Amino acid sequence: MVLVYKILLQVQELEIKLNKLRGGVTLVRPEERVAVESMLSEKVSQWRKRKRMFRDLWDTLTENSPKDPKEFKVSFCPVIIIVVLFYCCVVPTITTNIIEHCRRSLG
């Protein structure tokens, strides 16, 4: 009986919250929204720059290779790790993604 009462109380509390949300209550102030959107935009642009830098690096490494680039990724992983570690101070966030990819590729 106590459990049923607790559940009914919880349902009432959630219905009150739901009615507030349906009523059009502003959950995030406009200033906070603008700040978050600008931060997201900045992070996305940084990611795009880093992705482009890696793509340029990758294209340079695979440019004259007779292998298919997919085969090159798996077989040449240790060299990629060394190159990425060299550029670690320039582009720190790509190292984690590449190393994780190489770990998955190598087993």
Protein backbone atom coordinates (compact mmCIF):
# COMPACT_ATOMS: atom_id res chain seq x y z
CA MET A 1 0.00 0.00 0.00
CA VAL A 2 2.86 2.37 0.81
CA LEU A 3 4.51 1.54 -2.51
CA VAL A 4 1.33 2.40 -4.41
CA TYR A 5 1.09 5.72 -2.56
CA LYS A 6 4.72 6.57 -3.44
CA ILE A 7 4.14 5.74 -7.09
CA LEU A 8 0.95 7.84 -7.22
CA LEU A 9 2.79 10.74 -5.60
CA GLN A 10 5.60 10.41 -8.13
CA VAL A 11 3.09 10.34 -11.01
CA GLN A 12 1.47 13.54 -9.71
CA GLU A 13 4.85 15.28 -9.47
CA LEU A 14 5.76 14.24 -13.01
CA GLU A 15 2.36 15.40 -14.31
CA ILE A 16 2.98 18.81 -12.75
CA LYS A 17 6.36 19.02 -14.47
CA LEU A 18 4.82 17.91 -17.76
CA ASN A 19 2.11 20.55 -17.52
CA LYS A 20 4.76 23.22 -16.95
CA LEU A 21 6.63 22.05 -20.04
CA ARG A 22 3.46 22.00 -22.11
CA GLY A 23 2.62 25.49 -20.88
CA GLY A 24 5.55 27.00 -22.74
CA VAL A 25 7.83 27.72 -19.81
CA THR A 26 11.26 28.89 -20.94
CA LEU A 27 13.76 26.36 -19.62
CA VAL A 28 16.89 28.09 -20.84
CA ARG A 29 17.42 31.82 -20.77
CA PRO A 30 18.16 33.41 -24.16
CA GLU A 31 21.59 34.59 -22.98
CA GLU A 32 22.56 31.07 -21.97
CA ARG A 33 21.28 29.70 -25.26
CA VAL A 34 23.35 32.19 -27.27
CA ALA A 35 26.44 31.38 -25.19
CA VAL A 36 26.02 27.63 -25.70
CA GLU A 37 25.36 28.01 -29.42
CA SER A 38 28.46 30.18 -29.87
CA MET A 39 30.57 27.68 -27.92
CA LEU A 40 29.21 24.83 -30.05
CA SER A 41 29.96 26.77 -33.23
CA GLU A 42 33.52 27.41 -32.07
CA LYS A 43 34.12 23.76 -31.17
CA VAL A 44 32.71 22.56 -34.49
CA SER A 45 34.96 24.94 -36.42
CA GLN A 46 37.99 23.74 -34.42
CA TRP A 47 37.02 20.13 -35.17
CA ARG A 48 36.72 20.90 -38.88
CA LYS A 49 40.17 22.51 -38.90
CA ARG A 50 41.69 19.51 -37.14
CA LYS A 51 39.90 17.12 -39.45
CA ARG A 52 41.21 19.01 -42.48
CA MET A 53 44.74 18.97 -41.06
CA PHE A 54 44.57 15.23 -40.53
CA ARG A 55 43.11 14.70 -44.00
CA ASP A 56 45.99 16.65 -45.53
CA LEU A 57 48.46 14.60 -43.51
CA TRP A 58 46.76 11.35 -44.43
CA ASP A 59 46.60 12.26 -48.12
CA THR A 60 50.31 13.08 -48.07
CA LEU A 61 51.14 9.72 -46.49
CA THR A 62 49.01 7.70 -48.88
CA GLU A 63 49.66 9.77 -52.00
CA ASN A 64 52.09 7.47 -53.84
CA SER A 65 51.12 4.22 -52.21
CA PRO A 66 50.34 1.30 -54.53
CA LYS A 67 47.93 -0.08 -51.92
CA ASP A 68 44.31 0.73 -51.44
CA PRO A 69 44.04 3.40 -48.69
CA LYS A 70 41.93 1.04 -46.55
CA GLU A 71 44.72 -1.56 -46.58
CA PHE A 72 47.20 1.20 -45.90
CA LYS A 73 45.35 2.21 -42.73
CA VAL A 74 45.68 -1.24 -41.23
CA SER A 75 49.21 -2.10 -42.34
CA PHE A 76 50.78 1.29 -41.76
CA CYS A 77 49.21 2.02 -38.38
CA PRO A 78 52.49 2.18 -36.37
CA VAL A 79 53.91 4.85 -38.67
CA ILE A 80 50.70 6.83 -38.42
CA ILE A 81 50.92 6.68 -34.64
CA ILE A 82 54.48 8.02 -34.75
CA VAL A 83 53.48 10.86 -37.09
CA VAL A 84 50.45 11.71 -34.98
CA LEU A 85 52.52 11.72 -31.81
CA PHE A 86 54.96 14.06 -33.53
CA TYR A 87 52.12 16.45 -34.34
CA CYS A 88 50.55 15.95 -30.93
CA CYS A 89 51.49 19.41 -29.73
CA VAL A 90 49.89 20.98 -32.81
CA VAL A 91 46.72 18.93 -33.03
CA PRO A 92 46.15 17.25 -29.66
CA THR A 93 42.60 15.99 -30.03
CA ILE A 94 43.04 13.85 -33.13
CA THR A 95 45.54 11.55 -31.47
CA THR A 96 42.95 9.77 -29.36
CA ASN A 97 40.70 8.98 -32.31
CA ILE A 98 43.54 7.72 -34.49
CA ILE A 99 45.15 5.62 -31.78
CA GLU A 100 41.78 4.05 -30.93
CA HIS A 101 41.24 3.28 -34.62
CA CYS A 102 44.66 1.66 -34.87
CA ARG A 103 44.06 -0.39 -31.73
CA ARG A 104 40.78 -1.67 -33.16
CA SER A 105 42.46 -2.39 -36.51
CA LEU A 106 45.40 -4.26 -35.06
CA GLY A 107 43.27 -6.39 -32.81
